[in-house]
PDB file of N, CA and C in Angstrom:
ATOM      1  N   MET A   1     -10.692   5.568  -7.332  1.00  0.00           N
ATOM      2  CA  MET A   1     -10.392   4.633  -6.249  1.00  0.00           C
ATOM      3  C   MET A   1     -11.551   3.664  -6.035  1.00  0.00           C
ATOM      4  N   GLY A   2     -12.762   4.097  -6.258  1.00  0.00           N
ATOM      5  CA  GLY A   2     -13.882   3.205  -6.054  1.00  0.00           C
ATOM      6  C   GLY A   2     -14.844   3.728  -5.005  1.00  0.00           C
ATOM      7  N   LYS A   3     -15.882   2.979  -4.789  1.00  0.00           N
ATOM      8  CA  LYS A   3     -16.945   3.383  -3.868  1.00  0.00           C
ATOM      9  C   LYS A   3     -16.463   3.365  -2.412  1.00  0.00           C
ATOM     10  N   GLY A   4     -16.823   4.394  -1.675  1.00  0.00           N
ATOM     11  CA  GLY A   4     -16.545   4.435  -0.246  1.00  0.00           C
ATOM     12  C   GLY A   4     -15.292   5.191   0.151  1.00  0.00           C
ATOM     13  N   PHE A   5     -14.439   5.546  -0.811  1.00  0.00           N
ATOM     14  CA  PHE A   5     -13.199   6.242  -0.475  1.00  0.00           C
ATOM     15  C   PHE A   5     -13.424   7.736  -0.314  1.00  0.00           C
ATOM     16  N   THR A   6     -12.847   8.294   0.740  1.00  0.00           N
ATOM     17  CA  THR A   6     -12.861   9.722   0.979  1.00  0.00           C
ATOM     18  C   THR A   6     -11.413  10.183   1.109  1.00  0.00           C
ATOM     19  N   PHE A   7     -11.053  11.185   0.334  1.00  0.00           N
ATOM     20  CA  PHE A   7      -9.697  11.730   0.399  1.00  0.00           C
ATOM     21  C   PHE A   7      -9.528  12.502   1.703  1.00  0.00           C
ATOM     22  N   VAL A   8      -8.447  12.199   2.434  1.00  0.00           N
ATOM     23  CA  VAL A   8      -8.164  12.894   3.695  1.00  0.00           C
ATOM     24  C   VAL A   8      -7.100  13.961   3.480  1.00  0.00           C
ATOM     25  N   LYS A   9      -5.914  13.539   3.009  1.00  0.00           N
ATOM     26  CA  LYS A   9      -4.825  14.505   2.868  1.00  0.00           C
ATOM     27  C   LYS A   9      -3.681  13.916   2.053  1.00  0.00           C
ATOM     28  N   GLU A  10      -3.017  14.799   1.330  1.00  0.00           N
ATOM     29  CA  GLU A  10      -1.765  14.473   0.653  1.00  0.00           C
ATOM     30  C   GLU A  10      -0.632  14.912   1.568  1.00  0.00           C
ATOM     31  N   GLN A  11       0.436  14.113   1.630  1.00  0.00           N
ATOM     32  CA  GLN A  11       1.579  14.420   2.505  1.00  0.00           C
ATOM     33  C   GLN A  11       1.120  14.614   3.954  1.00  0.00           C
ATOM     34  N   PHE A  12       0.397  13.631   4.473  1.00  0.00           N
ATOM     35  CA  PHE A  12      -0.142  13.678   5.833  1.00  0.00           C
ATOM     36  C   PHE A  12       1.010  13.655   6.838  1.00  0.00           C
ATOM     37  N   PRO A  13       1.155  14.709   7.667  1.00  0.00           N
ATOM     38  CA  PRO A  13       2.285  14.754   8.611  1.00  0.00           C
ATOM     39  C   PRO A  13       2.000  13.964   9.891  1.00  0.00           C
ATOM     40  N   MET A  14       3.011  13.240  10.340  1.00  0.00           N
ATOM     41  CA  MET A  14       2.946  12.488  11.592  1.00  0.00           C
ATOM     42  C   MET A  14       4.146  12.884  12.433  1.00  0.00           C
ATOM     43  N   ASN A  15       3.899  13.428  13.612  1.00  0.00           N
ATOM     44  CA  ASN A  15       4.970  13.835  14.509  1.00  0.00           C
ATOM     45  C   ASN A  15       5.269  12.678  15.456  1.00  0.00           C
ATOM     46  N   ILE A  16       6.431  12.060  15.274  1.00  0.00           N
ATOM     47  CA  ILE A  16       6.854  10.938  16.115  1.00  0.00           C
ATOM     48  C   ILE A  16       8.190  11.310  16.742  1.00  0.00           C
ATOM     49  N   ASN A  17       8.176  11.519  18.051  1.00  0.00           N
ATOM     50  CA  ASN A  17       9.386  11.941  18.781  1.00  0.00           C
ATOM     51  C   ASN A  17      10.047  13.163  18.147  1.00  0.00           C
ATOM     52  N   ASN A  18       9.225  14.158  17.860  1.00  0.00           N
ATOM     53  CA  ASN A  18       9.690  15.427  17.292  1.00  0.00           C
ATOM     54  C   ASN A  18      10.333  15.286  15.918  1.00  0.00           C
ATOM     55  N   HIS A  19       9.989  14.254  15.205  1.00  0.00           N
ATOM     56  CA  HIS A  19      10.421  14.089  13.824  1.00  0.00           C
ATOM     57  C   HIS A  19       9.158  13.949  12.976  1.00  0.00           C
ATOM     58  N   ILE A  20       9.081  14.715  11.902  1.00  0.00           N
ATOM     59  CA  ILE A  20       7.895  14.684  11.042  1.00  0.00           C
ATOM     60  C   ILE A  20       8.106  13.691   9.905  1.00  0.00           C
ATOM     61  N   TYR A  21       7.197  12.730   9.811  1.00  0.00           N
ATOM     62  CA  TYR A  21       7.150  11.780   8.695  1.00  0.00           C
ATOM     63  C   TYR A  21       5.894  12.116   7.904  1.00  0.00           C
ATOM     64  N   LYS A  22       5.907  11.862   6.604  1.00  0.00           N
ATOM     65  CA  LYS A  22       4.751  12.192   5.776  1.00  0.00           C
ATOM     66  C   LYS A  22       4.350  11.012   4.905  1.00  0.00           C
ATOM     67  N   CYS A  23       3.091  10.624   5.027  1.00  0.00           N
ATOM     68  CA  CYS A  23       2.524   9.592   4.166  1.00  0.00           C
ATOM     69  C   CYS A  23       1.996  10.294   2.916  1.00  0.00           C
ATOM     70  N   ASP A  24       2.323   9.751   1.739  1.00  0.00           N
ATOM     71  CA  ASP A  24       1.987  10.416   0.478  1.00  0.00           C
ATOM     72  C   ASP A  24       0.499  10.690   0.309  1.00  0.00           C
ATOM     73  N   LEU A  25      -0.333   9.674   0.511  1.00  0.00           N
ATOM     74  CA  LEU A  25      -1.776   9.834   0.332  1.00  0.00           C
ATOM     75  C   LEU A  25      -2.519   9.122   1.455  1.00  0.00           C
ATOM     76  N   VAL A  26      -3.505   9.783   2.017  1.00  0.00           N
ATOM     77  CA  VAL A  26      -4.335   9.172   3.058  1.00  0.00           C
ATOM     78  C   VAL A  26      -5.798   9.298   2.645  1.00  0.00           C
ATOM     79  N   PHE A  27      -6.479   8.165   2.677  1.00  0.00           N
ATOM     80  CA  PHE A  27      -7.914   8.102   2.405  1.00  0.00           C
ATOM     81  C   PHE A  27      -8.594   7.478   3.612  1.00  0.00           C
ATOM     82  N   TYR A  28      -9.886   7.676   3.700  1.00  0.00           N
ATOM     83  CA  TYR A  28     -10.691   6.947   4.677  1.00  0.00           C
ATOM     84  C   TYR A  28     -11.750   6.210   3.886  1.00  0.00           C
ATOM     85  N   HIS A  29     -11.894   4.907   4.179  1.00  0.00           N
ATOM     86  CA  HIS A  29     -12.905   4.105   3.490  1.00  0.00           C
ATOM     87  C   HIS A  29     -14.123   4.006   4.392  1.00  0.00           C
ATOM     88  N   ARG A  30     -15.211   4.624   3.957  1.00  0.00           N
ATOM     89  CA  ARG A  30     -16.415   4.721   4.792  1.00  0.00           C
ATOM     90  C   ARG A  30     -17.087   3.368   5.007  1.00  0.00           C
ATOM     91  N   ILE A  31     -16.998   2.465   4.050  1.00  0.00           N
ATOM     92  CA  ILE A  31     -17.649   1.163   4.178  1.00  0.00           C
ATOM     93  C   ILE A  31     -16.827   0.237   5.073  1.00  0.00           C
ATOM     94  N   LEU A  32     -15.510   0.202   4.842  1.00  0.00           N
ATOM     95  CA  LEU A  32     -14.624  -0.637   5.660  1.00  0.00           C
ATOM     96  C   LEU A  32     -14.330  -0.021   7.024  1.00  0.00           C
ATOM     97  N   LYS A  33     -14.629   1.275   7.171  1.00  0.00           N
ATOM     98  CA  LYS A  33     -14.366   2.021   8.401  1.00  0.00           C
ATOM     99  C   LYS A  33     -12.894   1.944   8.805  1.00  0.00           C
ATOM    100  N   CYS A  34     -12.029   2.316   7.847  1.00  0.00           N
ATOM    101  CA  CYS A  34     -10.589   2.317   8.145  1.00  0.00           C
ATOM    102  C   CYS A  34      -9.871   3.319   7.251  1.00  0.00           C
ATOM    103  N   PHE A  35      -8.706   3.737   7.731  1.00  0.00           N
ATOM    104  CA  PHE A  35      -7.828   4.573   6.918  1.00  0.00           C
ATOM    105  C   PHE A  35      -7.112   3.694   5.906  1.00  0.00           C
ATOM    106  N   VAL A  36      -6.871   4.250   4.726  1.00  0.00           N
ATOM    107  CA  VAL A  36      -6.076   3.583   3.695  1.00  0.00           C
ATOM    108  C   VAL A  36      -4.902   4.508   3.404  1.00  0.00           C
ATOM    109  N   LEU A  37      -3.707   4.027   3.708  1.00  0.00           N
ATOM    110  CA  LEU A  37      -2.478   4.805   3.572  1.00  0.00           C
ATOM    111  C   LEU A  37      -1.746   4.338   2.330  1.00  0.00           C
ATOM    112  N   ILE A  38      -1.329   5.267   1.491  1.00  0.00           N
ATOM    113  CA  ILE A  38      -0.613   4.910   0.264  1.00  0.00           C
ATOM    114  C   ILE A  38       0.698   5.668   0.237  1.00  0.00           C
ATOM    115  N   ASP A  39       1.781   4.933   0.049  1.00  0.00           N
ATOM    116  CA  ASP A  39       3.105   5.527  -0.104  1.00  0.00           C
ATOM    117  C   ASP A  39       3.598   5.187  -1.503  1.00  0.00           C
ATOM    118  N   LEU A  40       4.009   6.209  -2.243  1.00  0.00           N
ATOM    119  CA  LEU A  40       4.449   6.036  -3.625  1.00  0.00           C
ATOM    120  C   LEU A  40       5.973   6.041  -3.686  1.00  0.00           C
ATOM    121  N   LYS A  41       6.534   5.077  -4.387  1.00  0.00           N
ATOM    122  CA  LYS A  41       7.990   4.972  -4.537  1.00  0.00           C
ATOM    123  C   LYS A  41       8.344   5.010  -6.018  1.00  0.00           C
ATOM    124  N   VAL A  42       9.279   5.896  -6.394  1.00  0.00           N
ATOM    125  CA  VAL A  42       9.639   6.027  -7.804  1.00  0.00           C
ATOM    126  C   VAL A  42      10.580   4.923  -8.273  1.00  0.00           C
ATOM    127  N   ASN A  43      11.187   4.210  -7.340  1.00  0.00           N
ATOM    128  CA  ASN A  43      12.093   3.119  -7.686  1.00  0.00           C
ATOM    129  C   ASN A  43      11.534   1.798  -7.174  1.00  0.00           C
ATOM    130  N   ALA A  44      12.331   0.764  -7.226  1.00  0.00           N
ATOM    131  CA  ALA A  44      11.920  -0.538  -6.702  1.00  0.00           C
ATOM    132  C   ALA A  44      11.735  -0.444  -5.195  1.00  0.00           C
ATOM    133  N   VAL A  45      10.786  -1.216  -4.677  1.00  0.00           N
ATOM    134  CA  VAL A  45      10.523  -1.209  -3.245  1.00  0.00           C
ATOM    135  C   VAL A  45      11.721  -1.800  -2.495  1.00  0.00           C
ATOM    136  N   GLN A  46      12.035  -1.193  -1.354  1.00  0.00           N
ATOM    137  CA  GLN A  46      13.113  -1.662  -0.495  1.00  0.00           C
ATOM    138  C   GLN A  46      12.501  -2.109   0.833  1.00  0.00           C
ATOM    139  N   TYR A  47      13.238  -2.904   1.596  1.00  0.00           N
ATOM    140  CA  TYR A  47      12.699  -3.406   2.860  1.00  0.00           C
ATOM    141  C   TYR A  47      12.359  -2.279   3.821  1.00  0.00           C
ATOM    142  N   ASP A  48      13.128  -1.185   3.789  1.00  0.00           N
ATOM    143  CA  ASP A  48      12.842  -0.084   4.706  1.00  0.00           C
ATOM    144  C   ASP A  48      11.560   0.663   4.320  1.00  0.00           C
ATOM    145  N   ASP A  49      11.162   0.608   3.045  1.00  0.00           N
ATOM    146  CA  ASP A  49       9.881   1.189   2.638  1.00  0.00           C
ATOM    147  C   ASP A  49       8.728   0.450   3.312  1.00  0.00           C
ATOM    148  N   ILE A  50       8.875  -0.853   3.435  1.00  0.00           N
ATOM    149  CA  ILE A  50       7.848  -1.682   4.065  1.00  0.00           C
ATOM    150  C   ILE A  50       7.795  -1.391   5.563  1.00  0.00           C
ATOM    151  N   GLY A  51       8.947  -1.282   6.187  1.00  0.00           N
ATOM    152  CA  GLY A  51       9.003  -0.940   7.611  1.00  0.00           C
ATOM    153  C   GLY A  51       8.420   0.446   7.878  1.00  0.00           C
ATOM    154  N   GLN A  52       8.672   1.370   6.968  1.00  0.00           N
ATOM    155  CA  GLN A  52       8.129   2.719   7.108  1.00  0.00           C
ATOM    156  C   GLN A  52       6.601   2.677   7.056  1.00  0.00           C
ATOM    157  N   MET A  53       6.036   1.922   6.119  1.00  0.00           N
ATOM    158  CA  MET A  53       4.584   1.823   6.039  1.00  0.00           C
ATOM    159  C   MET A  53       4.018   1.164   7.295  1.00  0.00           C
ATOM    160  N   ASN A  54       4.706   0.172   7.810  1.00  0.00           N
ATOM    161  CA  ASN A  54       4.252  -0.485   9.037  1.00  0.00           C
ATOM    162  C   ASN A  54       4.205   0.522  10.192  1.00  0.00           C
ATOM    163  N   MET A  55       5.197   1.427  10.236  1.00  0.00           N
ATOM    164  CA  MET A  55       5.218   2.476  11.257  1.00  0.00           C
ATOM    165  C   MET A  55       4.028   3.425  11.062  1.00  0.00           C
ATOM    166  N   TYR A  56       3.766   3.818   9.818  1.00  0.00           N
ATOM    167  CA  TYR A  56       2.612   4.679   9.542  1.00  0.00           C
ATOM    168  C   TYR A  56       1.321   4.023  10.022  1.00  0.00           C
ATOM    169  N   MET A  57       1.176   2.734   9.754  1.00  0.00           N
ATOM    170  CA  MET A  57      -0.027   2.013  10.161  1.00  0.00           C
ATOM    171  C   MET A  57      -0.161   1.993  11.685  1.00  0.00           C
ATOM    172  N   GLY A  58       0.955   1.809  12.376  1.00  0.00           N
ATOM    173  CA  GLY A  58       0.944   1.840  13.838  1.00  0.00           C
ATOM    174  C   GLY A  58       0.543   3.204  14.357  1.00  0.00           C
ATOM    175  N   TYR A  59       1.065   4.245  13.741  1.00  0.00           N
ATOM    176  CA  TYR A  59       0.716   5.613  14.142  1.00  0.00           C
ATOM    177  C   TYR A  59      -0.780   5.844  13.980  1.00  0.00           C
ATOM    178  N   PHE A  60      -1.314   5.489  12.816  1.00  0.00           N
ATOM    179  CA  PHE A  60      -2.741   5.717  12.576  1.00  0.00           C
ATOM    180  C   PHE A  60      -3.603   4.894  13.523  1.00  0.00           C
ATOM    181  N   ALA A  61      -3.200   3.662  13.801  1.00  0.00           N
ATOM    182  CA  ALA A  61      -3.970   2.815  14.716  1.00  0.00           C
ATOM    183  C   ALA A  61      -4.026   3.430  16.111  1.00  0.00           C
ATOM    184  N   GLU A  62      -2.920   4.009  16.550  1.00  0.00           N
ATOM    185  CA  GLU A  62      -2.842   4.566  17.906  1.00  0.00           C
ATOM    186  C   GLU A  62      -3.302   6.016  18.014  1.00  0.00           C
ATOM    187  N   GLU A  63      -3.035   6.823  16.994  1.00  0.00           N
ATOM    188  CA  GLU A  63      -3.238   8.273  17.108  1.00  0.00           C
ATOM    189  C   GLU A  63      -4.424   8.821  16.322  1.00  0.00           C
ATOM    190  N   GLU A  64      -4.814   8.189  15.243  1.00  0.00           N
ATOM    191  CA  GLU A  64      -5.845   8.752  14.377  1.00  0.00           C
ATOM    192  C   GLU A  64      -7.158   7.969  14.405  1.00  0.00           C
ATOM    193  N   ASN A  65      -7.088   6.670  14.655  1.00  0.00           N
ATOM    194  CA  ASN A  65      -8.308   5.857  14.660  1.00  0.00           C
ATOM    195  C   ASN A  65      -9.247   6.264  15.781  1.00  0.00           C
ATOM    196  N   GLU A  66     -10.543   6.233  15.478  1.00  0.00           N
ATOM    197  CA  GLU A  66     -11.580   6.368  16.482  1.00  0.00           C
ATOM    198  C   GLU A  66     -11.845   4.973  17.056  1.00  0.00           C
ATOM    199  N   PRO A  67     -12.453   4.876  18.239  1.00  0.00           N
ATOM    200  CA  PRO A  67     -12.657   3.555  18.862  1.00  0.00           C
ATOM    201  C   PRO A  67     -13.378   2.534  17.989  1.00  0.00           C
ATOM    202  N   ASP A  68     -14.290   2.976  17.115  1.00  0.00           N
ATOM    203  CA  ASP A  68     -15.013   2.018  16.279  1.00  0.00           C
ATOM    204  C   ASP A  68     -14.394   1.819  14.900  1.00  0.00           C
ATOM    205  N   ASP A  69     -13.215   2.400  14.647  1.00  0.00           N
ATOM    206  CA  ASP A  69     -12.522   2.201  13.374  1.00  0.00           C
ATOM    207  C   ASP A  69     -11.816   0.856  13.346  1.00  0.00           C
ATOM    208  N   ASN A  70     -11.695   0.294  12.163  1.00  0.00           N
ATOM    209  CA  ASN A  70     -10.897  -0.915  11.950  1.00  0.00           C
ATOM    210  C   ASN A  70      -9.441  -0.521  11.748  1.00  0.00           C
ATOM    211  N   PRO A  71      -8.518  -1.478  11.879  1.00  0.00           N
ATOM    212  CA  PRO A  71      -7.101  -1.167  11.670  1.00  0.00           C
ATOM    213  C   PRO A  71      -6.854  -0.605  10.271  1.00  0.00           C
ATOM    214  N   PRO A  72      -5.866   0.285  10.139  1.00  0.00           N
ATOM    215  CA  PRO A  72      -5.582   0.883   8.836  1.00  0.00           C
ATOM    216  C   PRO A  72      -5.041  -0.147   7.846  1.00  0.00           C
ATOM    217  N   ILE A  73      -5.185   0.189   6.577  1.00  0.00           N
ATOM    218  CA  ILE A  73      -4.614  -0.603   5.483  1.00  0.00           C
ATOM    219  C   ILE A  73      -3.481   0.212   4.892  1.00  0.00           C
ATOM    220  N   GLY A  74      -2.331  -0.409   4.687  1.00  0.00           N
ATOM    221  CA  GLY A  74      -1.182   0.268   4.106  1.00  0.00           C
ATOM    222  C   GLY A  74      -0.839  -0.323   2.751  1.00  0.00           C
ATOM    223  N   ILE A  75      -0.597   0.554   1.786  1.00  0.00           N
ATOM    224  CA  ILE A  75      -0.232   0.126   0.437  1.00  0.00           C
ATOM    225  C   ILE A  75       1.029   0.865   0.020  1.00  0.00           C
ATOM    226  N   VAL A  76       2.056   0.105  -0.359  1.00  0.00           N
ATOM    227  CA  VAL A  76       3.273   0.687  -0.915  1.00  0.00           C
ATOM    228  C   VAL A  76       3.230   0.404  -2.414  1.00  0.00           C
ATOM    229  N   LEU A  77       3.178   1.467  -3.219  1.00  0.00           N
ATOM    230  CA  LEU A  77       3.187   1.328  -4.673  1.00  0.00           C
ATOM    231  C   LEU A  77       4.564   1.728  -5.180  1.00  0.00           C
ATOM    232  N   ALA A  78       5.227   0.814  -5.857  1.00  0.00           N
ATOM    233  CA  ALA A  78       6.588   1.055  -6.324  1.00  0.00           C
ATOM    234  C   ALA A  78       6.708   0.731  -7.807  1.00  0.00           C
ATOM    235  N   ARG A  79       7.759   1.244  -8.412  1.00  0.00           N
ATOM    236  CA  ARG A  79       8.000   0.979  -9.835  1.00  0.00           C
ATOM    237  C   ARG A  79       8.241  -0.503 -10.072  1.00  0.00           C
ATOM    238  N   ASP A  80       8.867  -1.153  -9.117  1.00  0.00           N
ATOM    239  CA  ASP A  80       9.152  -2.582  -9.260  1.00  0.00           C
ATOM    240  C   ASP A  80       9.178  -3.189  -7.867  1.00  0.00           C
ATOM    241  N   LYS A  81       8.930  -4.500  -7.806  1.00  0.00           N
ATOM    242  CA  LYS A  81       9.018  -5.166  -6.512  1.00  0.00           C
ATOM    243  C   LYS A  81       9.638  -6.539  -6.691  1.00  0.00           C
ATOM    244  N   ASP A  82      10.453  -6.893  -5.736  1.00  0.00           N
ATOM    245  CA  ASP A  82      11.091  -8.200  -5.676  1.00  0.00           C
ATOM    246  C   ASP A  82      10.235  -9.049  -4.746  1.00  0.00           C
ATOM    247  N   GLU A  83       9.566 -10.048  -5.301  1.00  0.00           N
ATOM    248  CA  GLU A  83       8.625 -10.864  -4.520  1.00  0.00           C
ATOM    249  C   GLU A  83       9.284 -11.485  -3.285  1.00  0.00           C
ATOM    250  N   LEU A  84      10.514 -11.974  -3.419  1.00  0.00           N
ATOM    251  CA  LEU A  84      11.191 -12.605  -2.293  1.00  0.00           C
ATOM    252  C   LEU A  84      11.518 -11.583  -1.207  1.00  0.00           C
ATOM    253  N   LEU A  85      11.983 -10.404  -1.609  1.00  0.00           N
ATOM    254  CA  LEU A  85      12.262  -9.345  -0.640  1.00  0.00           C
ATOM    255  C   LEU A  85      10.982  -8.981   0.110  1.00  0.00           C
ATOM    256  N   VAL A  86       9.880  -8.832  -0.613  1.00  0.00           N
ATOM    257  CA  VAL A  86       8.603  -8.482   0.025  1.00  0.00           C
ATOM    258  C   VAL A  86       8.161  -9.581   0.975  1.00  0.00           C
ATOM    259  N   LYS A  87       8.335 -10.825   0.565  1.00  0.00           N
ATOM    260  CA  LYS A  87       7.950 -11.960   1.416  1.00  0.00           C
ATOM    261  C   LYS A  87       8.695 -11.911   2.750  1.00  0.00           C
ATOM    262  N   TYR A  88       9.998 -11.716   2.682  1.00  0.00           N
ATOM    263  CA  TYR A  88      10.793 -11.701   3.911  1.00  0.00           C
ATOM    264  C   TYR A  88      10.598 -10.406   4.703  1.00  0.00           C
ATOM    265  N   ALA A  89      10.451  -9.282   4.013  1.00  0.00           N
ATOM    266  CA  ALA A  89      10.302  -7.996   4.704  1.00  0.00           C
ATOM    267  C   ALA A  89       8.958  -7.888   5.423  1.00  0.00           C
ATOM    268  N   THR A  90       7.954  -8.612   4.953  1.00  0.00           N
ATOM    269  CA  THR A  90       6.635  -8.565   5.590  1.00  0.00           C
ATOM    270  C   THR A  90       6.392  -9.761   6.507  1.00  0.00           C
ATOM    271  N   TYR A  91       7.379 -10.604   6.692  1.00  0.00           N
ATOM    272  CA  TYR A  91       7.223 -11.802   7.525  1.00  0.00           C
ATOM    273  C   TYR A  91       6.727 -11.426   8.918  1.00  0.00           C
ATOM    274  N   GLY A  92       5.615 -11.994   9.303  1.00  0.00           N
ATOM    275  CA  GLY A  92       5.061 -11.759  10.629  1.00  0.00           C
ATOM    276  C   GLY A  92       4.383 -10.411  10.802  1.00  0.00           C
ATOM    277  N   MET A  93       4.318  -9.618   9.740  1.00  0.00           N
ATOM    278  CA  MET A  93       3.700  -8.293   9.846  1.00  0.00           C
ATOM    279  C   MET A  93       2.200  -8.386   9.650  1.00  0.00           C
ATOM    280  N   ASP A  94       1.575  -7.274   9.904  1.00  0.00           N
ATOM    281  CA  ASP A  94       0.142  -7.107   9.719  1.00  0.00           C
ATOM    282  C   ASP A  94      -0.268  -7.521   8.306  1.00  0.00           C
ATOM    283  N   THR A  95      -1.355  -8.232   8.195  1.00  0.00           N
ATOM    284  CA  THR A  95      -1.831  -8.664   6.877  1.00  0.00           C
ATOM    285  C   THR A  95      -2.527  -7.546   6.120  1.00  0.00           C
ATOM    286  N   ASN A  96      -2.623  -6.372   6.712  1.00  0.00           N
ATOM    287  CA  ASN A  96      -3.223  -5.225   6.026  1.00  0.00           C
ATOM    288  C   ASN A  96      -2.187  -4.378   5.306  1.00  0.00           C
ATOM    289  N   LEU A  97      -0.958  -4.867   5.185  1.00  0.00           N
ATOM    290  CA  LEU A  97       0.101  -4.143   4.497  1.00  0.00           C
ATOM    291  C   LEU A  97       0.334  -4.819   3.157  1.00  0.00           C
ATOM    292  N   PHE A  98       0.196  -4.053   2.070  1.00  0.00           N
ATOM    293  CA  PHE A  98       0.327  -4.595   0.728  1.00  0.00           C
ATOM    294  C   PHE A  98       1.413  -3.854  -0.026  1.00  0.00           C
ATOM    295  N   VAL A  99       2.132  -4.593  -0.872  1.00  0.00           N
ATOM    296  CA  VAL A  99       3.152  -4.000  -1.729  1.00  0.00           C
ATOM    297  C   VAL A  99       2.792  -4.368  -3.152  1.00  0.00           C
ATOM    298  N   SER A 100       2.757  -3.359  -4.018  1.00  0.00           N
ATOM    299  CA  SER A 100       2.366  -3.617  -5.394  1.00  0.00           C
ATOM    300  C   SER A 100       3.233  -2.815  -6.342  1.00  0.00           C
ATOM    301  N   LYS A 101       3.302  -3.322  -7.562  1.00  0.00           N
ATOM    302  CA  LYS A 101       4.052  -2.663  -8.626  1.00  0.00           C
ATOM    303  C   LYS A 101       3.070  -1.853  -9.458  1.00  0.00           C
ATOM    304  N   TYR A 102       3.445  -0.629  -9.790  1.00  0.00           N
ATOM    305  CA  TYR A 102       2.597   0.166 -10.672  1.00  0.00           C
ATOM    306  C   TYR A 102       3.202   0.185 -12.065  1.00  0.00           C
ATOM    307  N   GLU A 103       2.382   0.452 -13.026  1.00  0.00           N
ATOM    308  CA  GLU A 103       2.815   0.545 -14.420  1.00  0.00           C
ATOM    309  C   GLU A 103       2.858   2.010 -14.831  1.00  0.00           C
ATOM    310  N   LEU A 104       3.874   2.372 -15.589  1.00  0.00           N
ATOM    311  CA  LEU A 104       3.994   3.737 -16.072  1.00  0.00           C
ATOM    312  C   LEU A 104       3.138   3.980 -17.305  1.00  0.00           C
ATOM    313  N   TYR A 105       2.680   2.890 -17.929  1.00  0.00           N
ATOM    314  CA  TYR A 105       1.867   3.003 -19.133  1.00  0.00           C
ATOM    315  C   TYR A 105       0.925   1.808 -19.188  1.00  0.00           C
ATOM    316  N   LEU A 106      -0.138   1.961 -19.961  1.00  0.00           N
ATOM    317  CA  LEU A 106      -1.054   0.845 -20.149  1.00  0.00           C
ATOM    318  C   LEU A 106      -0.468  -0.117 -21.166  1.00  0.00           C
ATOM    319  N   PRO A 107      -0.638  -1.423 -20.953  1.00  0.00           N
ATOM    320  CA  PRO A 107      -0.108  -2.378 -21.930  1.00  0.00           C
ATOM    321  C   PRO A 107      -0.877  -2.276 -23.242  1.00  0.00           C
ATOM    322  N   ASN A 108      -0.166  -2.570 -24.355  1.00  0.00           N
ATOM    323  CA  ASN A 108      -0.882  -2.597 -25.628  1.00  0.00           C
ATOM    324  C   ASN A 108      -1.671  -3.896 -25.724  1.00  0.00           C
ATOM    325  N   ARG A 109      -2.427  -4.042 -26.779  1.00  0.00           N
ATOM    326  CA  ARG A 109      -3.325  -5.183 -26.926  1.00  0.00           C
ATOM    327  C   ARG A 109      -2.581  -6.513 -26.840  1.00  0.00           C
ATOM    328  N   GLU A 110      -1.437  -6.625 -27.515  1.00  0.00           N
ATOM    329  CA  GLU A 110      -0.678  -7.886 -27.520  1.00  0.00           C
ATOM    330  C   GLU A 110      -0.111  -8.195 -26.135  1.00  0.00           C
ATOM    331  N   GLU A 111       0.426  -7.182 -25.447  1.00  0.00           N
ATOM    332  CA  GLU A 111       0.949  -7.393 -24.097  1.00  0.00           C
ATOM    333  C   GLU A 111      -0.158  -7.824 -23.141  1.00  0.00           C
ATOM    334  N   LEU A 112      -1.323  -7.214 -23.280  1.00  0.00           N
ATOM    335  CA  LEU A 112      -2.456  -7.574 -22.436  1.00  0.00           C
ATOM    336  C   LEU A 112      -2.897  -9.009 -22.698  1.00  0.00           C
ATOM    337  N   LYS A 113      -2.929  -9.411 -23.968  1.00  0.00           N
ATOM    338  CA  LYS A 113      -3.294 -10.788 -24.326  1.00  0.00           C
ATOM    339  C   LYS A 113      -2.288 -11.779 -23.729  1.00  0.00           C
ATOM    340  N   GLN A 114      -1.003 -11.479 -23.822  1.00  0.00           N
ATOM    341  CA  GLN A 114       0.029 -12.352 -23.253  1.00  0.00           C
ATOM    342  C   GLN A 114      -0.127 -12.464 -21.739  1.00  0.00           C
ATOM    343  N   LEU A 115      -0.417 -11.366 -21.090  1.00  0.00           N
ATOM    344  CA  LEU A 115      -0.601 -11.372 -19.642  1.00  0.00           C
ATOM    345  C   LEU A 115      -1.797 -12.234 -19.250  1.00  0.00           C
ATOM    346  N   VAL A 116      -2.907 -12.074 -19.958  1.00  0.00           N
ATOM    347  CA  VAL A 116      -4.106 -12.876 -19.671  1.00  0.00           C
ATOM    348  C   VAL A 116      -3.817 -14.352 -19.922  1.00  0.00           C
ATOM    349  N   ASP A 117      -3.148 -14.670 -21.033  1.00  0.00           N
ATOM    350  CA  ASP A 117      -2.799 -16.058 -21.340  1.00  0.00           C
ATOM    351  C   ASP A 117      -1.911 -16.650 -20.257  1.00  0.00           C
ATOM    352  N   LYS A 118      -0.938 -15.872 -19.788  1.00  0.00           N
ATOM    353  CA  LYS A 118      -0.030 -16.348 -18.743  1.00  0.00           C
ATOM    354  C   LYS A 118      -0.797 -16.660 -17.459  1.00  0.00           C
ATOM    355  N   ILE A 119      -1.698 -15.756 -17.080  1.00  0.00           N
ATOM    356  CA  ILE A 119      -2.499 -15.968 -15.866  1.00  0.00           C
ATOM    357  C   ILE A 119      -3.378 -17.207 -16.006  1.00  0.00           C
ATOM    358  N   MET A 120      -4.023 -17.342 -17.157  1.00  0.00           N
ATOM    359  CA  MET A 120      -4.899 -18.488 -17.368  1.00  0.00           C
ATOM    360  C   MET A 120      -4.096 -19.789 -17.404  1.00  0.00           C
ATOM    361  N   PHE A 121      -2.931 -19.770 -18.029  1.00  0.00           N
ATOM    362  CA  PHE A 121      -2.094 -20.962 -18.116  1.00  0.00           C
ATOM    363  C   PHE A 121      -1.582 -21.363 -16.748  1.00  0.00           C
ATOM    364  N   ASP A 122      -1.143 -20.373 -15.949  1.00  0.00           N
ATOM    365  CA  ASP A 122      -0.624 -20.657 -14.599  1.00  0.00           C
ATOM    366  C   ASP A 122      -1.693 -21.232 -13.701  1.00  0.00           C
ATOM    367  N   GLU A 123      -2.957 -20.811 -13.883  1.00  0.00           N
ATOM    368  CA  GLU A 123      -4.037 -21.323 -13.040  1.00  0.00           C
ATOM    369  C   GLU A 123      -4.352 -22.780 -13.336  1.00  0.00           C
ATOM    370  N   GLU A 124      -4.049 -23.234 -14.557  1.00  0.00           N
ATOM    371  CA  GLU A 124      -4.338 -24.613 -14.930  1.00  0.00           C
ATOM    372  C   GLU A 124      -3.364 -25.594 -14.319  1.00  0.00           C
ATOM    373  N   ASP A 125      -2.167 -25.121 -13.939  1.00  0.00           N
ATOM    374  CA  ASP A 125      -1.139 -26.015 -13.356  1.00  0.00           C
ATOM    375  C   ASP A 125      -1.514 -26.503 -12.000  1.00  0.00           C
TER     376      ASP A 125
END
C-alpha cells in the first residue's frame, strides 16, 4: 500500500440502526491522519456501490474519527467501471470518494506499450 498505511480490519462491522454493514478493508493512514476504506466488487461498479461507500465514509466520520482526524477516504475497486455512471453517481458527493477499475492480470509488454502510447498521445491533444 505504501508508506504510512496501517491495517485496521478486514470486514469492519458497522452497526447502523441494528443492521450490520461490513467494509471489506479498513486502513488508517498515519501521515494523512485519516481512515482509508476499500470496498472490493467482483463485477462492474453500480451506483448503489458508490452510495454504500458514501454511507461508510459518513459512519467513519461520525463514529470512528477522533477530533484531530481528517475525513475518511473511500475507494471502490471494481472489475469494470462506467465513467459516465461514476460521474453521475458521485455528482455533488465528497471528493474523497474514488472509483477505480482493477486488473485481474498484469499487462504484457505490448499491452503496456500501447497503454503508455495512448496516454502520451492523449496528453498531446
